[in-house]
N, C-alpha and C. Protein backbone atom coordinates (compact mmCIF):
# COMPACT_ATOMS: atom_id res chain seq x y z
N MET A 1 -32.54 -14.40 2.42
CA MET A 1 -33.30 -15.52 1.88
C MET A 1 -34.13 -16.12 3.03
N PRO A 2 -35.39 -16.43 2.79
CA PRO A 2 -36.23 -16.99 3.85
C PRO A 2 -35.74 -18.38 4.27
N THR A 3 -36.19 -18.83 5.42
CA THR A 3 -35.86 -20.16 5.88
C THR A 3 -36.37 -21.18 4.87
N LEU A 4 -35.50 -22.08 4.50
CA LEU A 4 -35.83 -23.07 3.47
C LEU A 4 -36.10 -24.43 4.08
N THR A 5 -37.15 -25.07 3.64
CA THR A 5 -37.42 -26.44 4.04
C THR A 5 -36.59 -27.36 3.14
N ASN A 6 -36.48 -28.62 3.51
CA ASN A 6 -35.77 -29.59 2.68
C ASN A 6 -36.39 -29.69 1.29
N ASP A 7 -37.72 -29.64 1.23
CA ASP A 7 -38.41 -29.70 -0.07
C ASP A 7 -38.07 -28.49 -0.94
N MET A 8 -38.01 -27.32 -0.32
CA MET A 8 -37.66 -26.11 -1.07
C MET A 8 -36.23 -26.19 -1.59
N MET A 9 -35.31 -26.70 -0.75
CA MET A 9 -33.91 -26.83 -1.17
C MET A 9 -33.81 -27.82 -2.33
N ARG A 10 -34.49 -28.95 -2.22
CA ARG A 10 -34.48 -29.93 -3.31
C ARG A 10 -35.03 -29.33 -4.60
N SER A 11 -36.07 -28.54 -4.47
CA SER A 11 -36.69 -27.91 -5.64
C SER A 11 -35.72 -26.95 -6.34
N ILE A 12 -35.01 -26.16 -5.56
CA ILE A 12 -34.02 -25.22 -6.13
C ILE A 12 -32.91 -26.00 -6.82
N ILE A 13 -32.42 -27.04 -6.17
CA ILE A 13 -31.35 -27.86 -6.76
C ILE A 13 -31.83 -28.50 -8.07
N MET A 14 -33.01 -29.08 -8.05
CA MET A 14 -33.53 -29.74 -9.25
C MET A 14 -33.80 -28.75 -10.39
N ASP A 15 -34.22 -27.54 -10.04
CA ASP A 15 -34.45 -26.53 -11.07
C ASP A 15 -33.13 -26.14 -11.75
N HIS A 16 -32.07 -25.95 -10.97
CA HIS A 16 -30.77 -25.60 -11.55
C HIS A 16 -30.15 -26.76 -12.30
N TYR A 17 -30.51 -27.99 -11.92
CA TYR A 17 -30.02 -29.16 -12.65
C TYR A 17 -30.78 -29.34 -13.97
N SER A 18 -32.09 -29.23 -13.91
CA SER A 18 -32.93 -29.47 -15.08
C SER A 18 -32.89 -28.32 -16.08
N ASN A 19 -32.70 -27.11 -15.59
CA ASN A 19 -32.73 -25.91 -16.44
C ASN A 19 -31.56 -24.98 -16.13
N PRO A 20 -30.33 -25.47 -16.25
CA PRO A 20 -29.20 -24.61 -15.91
C PRO A 20 -29.07 -23.44 -16.89
N ILE A 21 -29.04 -22.26 -16.37
CA ILE A 21 -28.95 -21.04 -17.18
C ILE A 21 -27.56 -20.89 -17.80
N HIS A 22 -26.55 -21.28 -17.05
CA HIS A 22 -25.18 -21.00 -17.46
C HIS A 22 -24.45 -22.20 -18.07
N LYS A 23 -25.18 -23.27 -18.38
CA LYS A 23 -24.54 -24.46 -18.97
C LYS A 23 -24.54 -24.33 -20.48
N HIS A 24 -23.41 -23.87 -21.00
CA HIS A 24 -23.22 -23.70 -22.44
C HIS A 24 -21.76 -23.35 -22.68
N GLN A 25 -21.35 -23.47 -23.91
CA GLN A 25 -20.02 -23.00 -24.29
C GLN A 25 -20.03 -21.48 -24.27
N PRO A 26 -18.90 -20.88 -23.93
CA PRO A 26 -18.87 -19.41 -23.91
C PRO A 26 -19.02 -18.82 -25.30
N SER A 27 -19.64 -17.66 -25.35
CA SER A 27 -19.73 -16.95 -26.63
C SER A 27 -18.72 -15.81 -26.59
N GLY A 28 -17.91 -15.77 -27.60
CA GLY A 28 -16.89 -14.73 -27.66
C GLY A 28 -15.56 -15.18 -27.09
N ASP A 29 -14.62 -14.27 -27.15
CA ASP A 29 -13.25 -14.54 -26.71
C ASP A 29 -13.03 -14.02 -25.29
N GLY A 30 -11.87 -14.34 -24.76
CA GLY A 30 -11.45 -13.76 -23.49
C GLY A 30 -11.81 -14.57 -22.26
N PHE A 31 -12.34 -15.78 -22.43
CA PHE A 31 -12.68 -16.61 -21.28
C PHE A 31 -11.47 -17.43 -20.85
N ILE A 32 -11.32 -17.58 -19.57
CA ILE A 32 -10.30 -18.47 -19.01
C ILE A 32 -11.01 -19.77 -18.67
N LYS A 33 -10.43 -20.89 -19.09
CA LYS A 33 -11.06 -22.19 -18.90
C LYS A 33 -10.24 -23.05 -17.95
N VAL A 34 -10.94 -23.75 -17.05
CA VAL A 34 -10.32 -24.77 -16.22
C VAL A 34 -11.17 -26.04 -16.37
N HIS A 35 -10.49 -27.14 -16.66
CA HIS A 35 -11.17 -28.43 -16.77
C HIS A 35 -11.10 -29.14 -15.42
N MET A 36 -12.23 -29.69 -14.99
CA MET A 36 -12.30 -30.42 -13.73
C MET A 36 -13.01 -31.74 -13.98
N HIS A 37 -12.56 -32.78 -13.29
CA HIS A 37 -13.25 -34.06 -13.35
C HIS A 37 -13.14 -34.75 -12.00
N SER A 38 -13.99 -35.73 -11.81
CA SER A 38 -14.00 -36.47 -10.56
C SER A 38 -13.83 -37.96 -10.86
N ASP A 39 -13.01 -38.61 -10.06
CA ASP A 39 -12.83 -40.06 -10.20
C ASP A 39 -13.98 -40.82 -9.56
N ASN A 40 -14.74 -40.15 -8.71
CA ASN A 40 -15.81 -40.82 -7.95
C ASN A 40 -17.20 -40.61 -8.54
N CYS A 41 -17.32 -39.80 -9.57
CA CYS A 41 -18.63 -39.42 -10.09
C CYS A 41 -18.49 -39.21 -11.61
N ILE A 42 -19.57 -38.91 -12.27
CA ILE A 42 -19.52 -38.67 -13.72
C ILE A 42 -19.01 -37.28 -14.08
N ASP A 43 -18.77 -36.46 -13.06
CA ASP A 43 -18.42 -35.06 -13.28
C ASP A 43 -17.19 -34.90 -14.19
N ASP A 44 -17.40 -34.18 -15.27
CA ASP A 44 -16.34 -33.87 -16.23
C ASP A 44 -16.72 -32.53 -16.85
N LEU A 45 -16.25 -31.45 -16.23
CA LEU A 45 -16.72 -30.11 -16.58
C LEU A 45 -15.59 -29.18 -17.00
N ASP A 46 -15.93 -28.27 -17.89
CA ASP A 46 -15.10 -27.11 -18.20
C ASP A 46 -15.80 -25.90 -17.59
N ILE A 47 -15.07 -25.14 -16.82
CA ILE A 47 -15.58 -23.92 -16.19
C ILE A 47 -14.91 -22.75 -16.89
N PHE A 48 -15.71 -21.75 -17.28
CA PHE A 48 -15.21 -20.59 -18.00
C PHE A 48 -15.56 -19.31 -17.25
N LEU A 49 -14.55 -18.48 -17.00
CA LEU A 49 -14.79 -17.14 -16.45
C LEU A 49 -14.19 -16.12 -17.39
N LYS A 50 -14.91 -15.04 -17.59
CA LYS A 50 -14.40 -13.92 -18.36
C LYS A 50 -14.14 -12.79 -17.36
N LEU A 51 -12.90 -12.36 -17.31
CA LEU A 51 -12.46 -11.34 -16.36
C LEU A 51 -12.09 -10.07 -17.09
N TYR A 52 -12.50 -8.95 -16.54
CA TYR A 52 -12.14 -7.67 -17.14
C TYR A 52 -12.21 -6.59 -16.06
N ASN A 53 -11.16 -5.78 -16.02
CA ASN A 53 -11.15 -4.62 -15.12
C ASN A 53 -11.44 -5.04 -13.67
N ASN A 54 -10.73 -6.09 -13.21
CA ASN A 54 -10.85 -6.60 -11.84
C ASN A 54 -12.25 -7.10 -11.50
N LYS A 55 -12.95 -7.63 -12.50
CA LYS A 55 -14.31 -8.07 -12.30
C LYS A 55 -14.58 -9.35 -13.09
N VAL A 56 -15.46 -10.20 -12.55
CA VAL A 56 -15.95 -11.36 -13.30
C VAL A 56 -17.14 -10.85 -14.11
N ILE A 57 -16.96 -10.76 -15.42
CA ILE A 57 -18.05 -10.19 -16.23
C ILE A 57 -18.94 -11.26 -16.86
N ASP A 58 -18.46 -12.52 -16.87
CA ASP A 58 -19.31 -13.60 -17.37
C ASP A 58 -18.77 -14.91 -16.81
N ALA A 59 -19.65 -15.90 -16.73
CA ALA A 59 -19.28 -17.22 -16.24
C ALA A 59 -20.23 -18.24 -16.86
N CYS A 60 -19.67 -19.38 -17.23
CA CYS A 60 -20.49 -20.47 -17.74
C CYS A 60 -19.71 -21.77 -17.58
N PHE A 61 -20.36 -22.87 -17.89
CA PHE A 61 -19.72 -24.18 -17.78
C PHE A 61 -20.35 -25.11 -18.81
N ASP A 62 -19.63 -26.19 -19.10
CA ASP A 62 -20.15 -27.17 -20.03
C ASP A 62 -19.55 -28.53 -19.69
N GLY A 63 -20.24 -29.57 -20.09
CA GLY A 63 -19.77 -30.92 -19.85
C GLY A 63 -20.86 -31.78 -19.25
N VAL A 64 -20.44 -32.89 -18.67
CA VAL A 64 -21.35 -33.84 -18.05
C VAL A 64 -21.13 -33.80 -16.54
N ALA A 65 -22.23 -33.77 -15.79
CA ALA A 65 -22.09 -33.73 -14.33
C ALA A 65 -23.36 -34.21 -13.66
N CYS A 66 -23.20 -34.63 -12.43
CA CYS A 66 -24.33 -35.09 -11.63
C CYS A 66 -25.20 -33.89 -11.21
N THR A 67 -26.28 -34.18 -10.57
CA THR A 67 -27.23 -33.15 -10.14
C THR A 67 -26.56 -32.10 -9.26
N ILE A 68 -25.82 -32.55 -8.25
CA ILE A 68 -25.20 -31.63 -7.30
C ILE A 68 -24.18 -30.74 -8.00
N SER A 69 -23.33 -31.31 -8.82
CA SER A 69 -22.30 -30.52 -9.53
C SER A 69 -22.93 -29.51 -10.48
N THR A 70 -23.90 -29.95 -11.25
CA THR A 70 -24.55 -29.06 -12.21
C THR A 70 -25.24 -27.91 -11.49
N ALA A 71 -26.05 -28.22 -10.49
CA ALA A 71 -26.80 -27.18 -9.78
C ALA A 71 -25.88 -26.22 -9.04
N SER A 72 -24.87 -26.74 -8.36
CA SER A 72 -23.99 -25.85 -7.59
C SER A 72 -23.17 -24.96 -8.52
N THR A 73 -22.74 -25.49 -9.65
CA THR A 73 -21.96 -24.70 -10.59
C THR A 73 -22.83 -23.64 -11.26
N ASP A 74 -24.07 -23.97 -11.57
CA ASP A 74 -24.98 -22.99 -12.15
C ASP A 74 -25.25 -21.84 -11.17
N ILE A 75 -25.50 -22.18 -9.92
CA ILE A 75 -25.72 -21.16 -8.89
C ILE A 75 -24.46 -20.32 -8.70
N MET A 76 -23.30 -20.97 -8.71
CA MET A 76 -22.04 -20.24 -8.58
C MET A 76 -21.89 -19.20 -9.69
N CYS A 77 -22.19 -19.59 -10.92
CA CYS A 77 -22.09 -18.64 -12.03
C CYS A 77 -22.98 -17.43 -11.77
N ASP A 78 -24.22 -17.68 -11.35
CA ASP A 78 -25.13 -16.57 -11.00
C ASP A 78 -24.49 -15.62 -9.99
N LEU A 79 -23.88 -16.21 -8.97
CA LEU A 79 -23.34 -15.40 -7.87
C LEU A 79 -22.07 -14.62 -8.26
N LEU A 80 -21.26 -15.17 -9.16
CA LEU A 80 -19.98 -14.53 -9.47
C LEU A 80 -20.06 -13.45 -10.55
N ILE A 81 -21.03 -13.56 -11.45
CA ILE A 81 -21.13 -12.59 -12.54
C ILE A 81 -21.36 -11.19 -11.97
N ASN A 82 -20.57 -10.25 -12.47
CA ASN A 82 -20.60 -8.84 -12.09
C ASN A 82 -20.04 -8.56 -10.70
N LYS A 83 -19.27 -9.50 -10.16
CA LYS A 83 -18.61 -9.27 -8.87
C LYS A 83 -17.15 -8.92 -9.12
N ASP A 84 -16.63 -7.99 -8.31
CA ASP A 84 -15.20 -7.73 -8.42
C ASP A 84 -14.46 -8.93 -7.80
N PHE A 85 -13.16 -9.00 -8.05
CA PHE A 85 -12.39 -10.17 -7.63
C PHE A 85 -12.50 -10.42 -6.13
N LYS A 86 -12.44 -9.36 -5.33
CA LYS A 86 -12.52 -9.50 -3.87
C LYS A 86 -13.86 -10.10 -3.46
N GLU A 87 -14.94 -9.60 -4.03
CA GLU A 87 -16.28 -10.13 -3.72
C GLU A 87 -16.40 -11.58 -4.16
N ALA A 88 -15.94 -11.88 -5.37
CA ALA A 88 -16.02 -13.24 -5.90
C ALA A 88 -15.25 -14.22 -5.02
N LYS A 89 -14.04 -13.85 -4.63
CA LYS A 89 -13.24 -14.71 -3.77
C LYS A 89 -13.91 -14.92 -2.42
N ASN A 90 -14.55 -13.88 -1.90
CA ASN A 90 -15.24 -14.00 -0.62
C ASN A 90 -16.43 -14.95 -0.73
N ILE A 91 -17.18 -14.86 -1.81
CA ILE A 91 -18.31 -15.76 -2.02
C ILE A 91 -17.82 -17.21 -2.06
N ILE A 92 -16.74 -17.45 -2.81
CA ILE A 92 -16.18 -18.80 -2.90
C ILE A 92 -15.71 -19.27 -1.52
N LYS A 93 -15.05 -18.42 -0.78
CA LYS A 93 -14.56 -18.77 0.56
C LYS A 93 -15.72 -19.10 1.50
N GLN A 94 -16.77 -18.29 1.47
CA GLN A 94 -17.91 -18.54 2.35
C GLN A 94 -18.60 -19.85 1.99
N TYR A 95 -18.71 -20.15 0.71
CA TYR A 95 -19.31 -21.41 0.26
C TYR A 95 -18.45 -22.59 0.74
N ASP A 96 -17.14 -22.49 0.54
CA ASP A 96 -16.22 -23.53 0.98
C ASP A 96 -16.35 -23.75 2.49
N ASN A 97 -16.41 -22.66 3.24
CA ASN A 97 -16.57 -22.78 4.70
C ASN A 97 -17.87 -23.51 5.03
N MET A 98 -18.96 -23.14 4.36
CA MET A 98 -20.24 -23.78 4.63
C MET A 98 -20.17 -25.28 4.35
N ILE A 99 -19.63 -25.64 3.20
CA ILE A 99 -19.54 -27.05 2.81
C ILE A 99 -18.71 -27.85 3.80
N HIS A 100 -17.70 -27.21 4.36
CA HIS A 100 -16.80 -27.91 5.30
C HIS A 100 -17.14 -27.63 6.76
N GLU A 101 -18.36 -27.17 7.00
CA GLU A 101 -18.90 -26.93 8.34
C GLU A 101 -18.06 -25.99 9.19
N GLU A 102 -17.55 -24.95 8.55
CA GLU A 102 -16.83 -23.89 9.24
C GLU A 102 -17.72 -22.65 9.25
N PRO A 103 -17.44 -21.69 10.13
CA PRO A 103 -18.27 -20.48 10.16
C PRO A 103 -18.28 -19.79 8.79
N PHE A 104 -19.47 -19.30 8.38
CA PHE A 104 -19.60 -18.66 7.09
C PHE A 104 -20.64 -17.56 7.15
N ASP A 105 -20.59 -16.68 6.17
CA ASP A 105 -21.53 -15.57 6.05
C ASP A 105 -22.64 -15.97 5.09
N GLU A 106 -23.78 -16.30 5.64
CA GLU A 106 -24.92 -16.76 4.86
C GLU A 106 -25.42 -15.70 3.88
N GLU A 107 -25.24 -14.44 4.23
CA GLU A 107 -25.77 -13.33 3.43
C GLU A 107 -25.25 -13.31 2.00
N VAL A 108 -24.00 -13.73 1.80
CA VAL A 108 -23.42 -13.65 0.45
C VAL A 108 -23.72 -14.86 -0.41
N LEU A 109 -24.32 -15.91 0.17
CA LEU A 109 -24.50 -17.16 -0.56
C LEU A 109 -25.80 -17.29 -1.33
N ASP A 110 -26.80 -16.50 -0.99
CA ASP A 110 -28.08 -16.54 -1.69
C ASP A 110 -28.52 -17.99 -1.89
N GLU A 111 -28.85 -18.41 -3.10
CA GLU A 111 -29.35 -19.77 -3.34
C GLU A 111 -28.33 -20.87 -3.03
N ALA A 112 -27.06 -20.55 -2.99
CA ALA A 112 -26.04 -21.56 -2.69
C ALA A 112 -26.23 -22.16 -1.30
N ILE A 113 -27.01 -21.51 -0.46
CA ILE A 113 -27.29 -22.01 0.87
C ILE A 113 -27.98 -23.38 0.82
N VAL A 114 -28.58 -23.72 -0.32
CA VAL A 114 -29.27 -25.02 -0.43
C VAL A 114 -28.32 -26.20 -0.28
N PHE A 115 -27.02 -25.96 -0.35
CA PHE A 115 -26.04 -27.04 -0.21
C PHE A 115 -25.49 -27.14 1.22
N ILE A 116 -26.17 -26.51 2.16
CA ILE A 116 -25.71 -26.48 3.56
C ILE A 116 -25.59 -27.87 4.18
N ASN A 117 -26.37 -28.81 3.75
CA ASN A 117 -26.33 -30.16 4.33
C ASN A 117 -25.42 -31.12 3.59
N THR A 118 -24.69 -30.63 2.62
CA THR A 118 -23.83 -31.49 1.79
C THR A 118 -22.79 -32.23 2.63
N SER A 119 -22.30 -31.60 3.67
CA SER A 119 -21.25 -32.24 4.48
C SER A 119 -21.74 -33.52 5.14
N LYS A 120 -23.04 -33.68 5.26
CA LYS A 120 -23.59 -34.91 5.85
C LYS A 120 -23.46 -36.09 4.88
N GLN A 121 -23.16 -35.81 3.63
CA GLN A 121 -22.93 -36.84 2.62
C GLN A 121 -21.53 -36.62 2.05
N ALA A 122 -20.53 -37.13 2.75
CA ALA A 122 -19.13 -36.85 2.41
C ALA A 122 -18.80 -37.09 0.94
N ALA A 123 -19.42 -38.09 0.33
CA ALA A 123 -19.14 -38.39 -1.08
C ALA A 123 -19.60 -37.26 -2.00
N ARG A 124 -20.50 -36.41 -1.53
CA ARG A 124 -21.04 -35.33 -2.35
C ARG A 124 -20.27 -34.02 -2.23
N ILE A 125 -19.33 -33.94 -1.29
CA ILE A 125 -18.58 -32.70 -1.11
C ILE A 125 -17.82 -32.34 -2.38
N ARG A 126 -17.16 -33.30 -2.98
CA ARG A 126 -16.41 -33.05 -4.23
C ARG A 126 -17.37 -32.56 -5.32
N CYS A 127 -18.54 -33.16 -5.40
CA CYS A 127 -19.53 -32.75 -6.40
C CYS A 127 -19.95 -31.29 -6.19
N ALA A 128 -20.21 -30.94 -4.94
CA ALA A 128 -20.66 -29.59 -4.62
C ALA A 128 -19.56 -28.56 -4.80
N MET A 129 -18.30 -28.99 -4.78
CA MET A 129 -17.17 -28.06 -4.84
C MET A 129 -16.50 -27.96 -6.21
N ILE A 130 -16.79 -28.85 -7.13
CA ILE A 130 -16.00 -28.95 -8.35
C ILE A 130 -15.96 -27.64 -9.16
N GLY A 131 -17.10 -27.03 -9.39
CA GLY A 131 -17.13 -25.77 -10.13
C GLY A 131 -16.50 -24.64 -9.34
N TRP A 132 -16.75 -24.63 -8.05
CA TRP A 132 -16.22 -23.60 -7.16
C TRP A 132 -14.70 -23.68 -7.08
N ASN A 133 -14.15 -24.90 -7.04
CA ASN A 133 -12.69 -25.07 -7.03
C ASN A 133 -12.07 -24.54 -8.32
N ALA A 134 -12.76 -24.76 -9.44
CA ALA A 134 -12.27 -24.26 -10.72
C ALA A 134 -12.26 -22.72 -10.73
N ALA A 135 -13.34 -22.12 -10.28
CA ALA A 135 -13.40 -20.64 -10.23
C ALA A 135 -12.34 -20.09 -9.30
N ASP A 136 -12.14 -20.76 -8.17
CA ASP A 136 -11.10 -20.33 -7.23
C ASP A 136 -9.72 -20.40 -7.89
N GLN A 137 -9.49 -21.46 -8.63
CA GLN A 137 -8.21 -21.62 -9.34
C GLN A 137 -8.01 -20.49 -10.35
N ILE A 138 -9.05 -20.13 -11.07
CA ILE A 138 -8.96 -19.04 -12.05
C ILE A 138 -8.68 -17.71 -11.37
N LEU A 139 -9.28 -17.49 -10.22
CA LEU A 139 -9.13 -16.21 -9.51
C LEU A 139 -7.88 -16.12 -8.63
N LYS A 140 -7.17 -17.22 -8.45
CA LYS A 140 -5.94 -17.18 -7.64
C LYS A 140 -4.98 -16.16 -8.24
N GLY A 141 -4.43 -15.35 -7.39
CA GLY A 141 -3.46 -14.36 -7.83
C GLY A 141 -4.09 -13.11 -8.45
N LYS A 142 -5.40 -13.05 -8.49
CA LYS A 142 -6.07 -11.87 -9.05
C LYS A 142 -6.38 -10.89 -7.97
């Protein structure tokens, strides 16, 4: 991904907030759901992953959430779909490391890199992590 300016990062975040591709109820059966909410924000989301043959074959979310939560969860869904469990867990781990200012592999994060400055706003860390924590919970033990 090319070097992003602050304006470019804001634009990507606002696009995923205003036009989230993966914000909908799941279609069909076989989805695992985790409900997440925040006491500090309006975030109240259901995260859905469909797993098959050691792979995330679909992902979506629904509910009410702030800009950061909606955009980060939408980008997360993009990144996890069609990844095997090991790849999906690695993407989540690298994102978590980035958010918490630990060493991370930028190559696997694609558009999620737009949240690199989230740690500078401590109140937003929970927002940026809510969907990712749910996906991590679903993939635990897989």
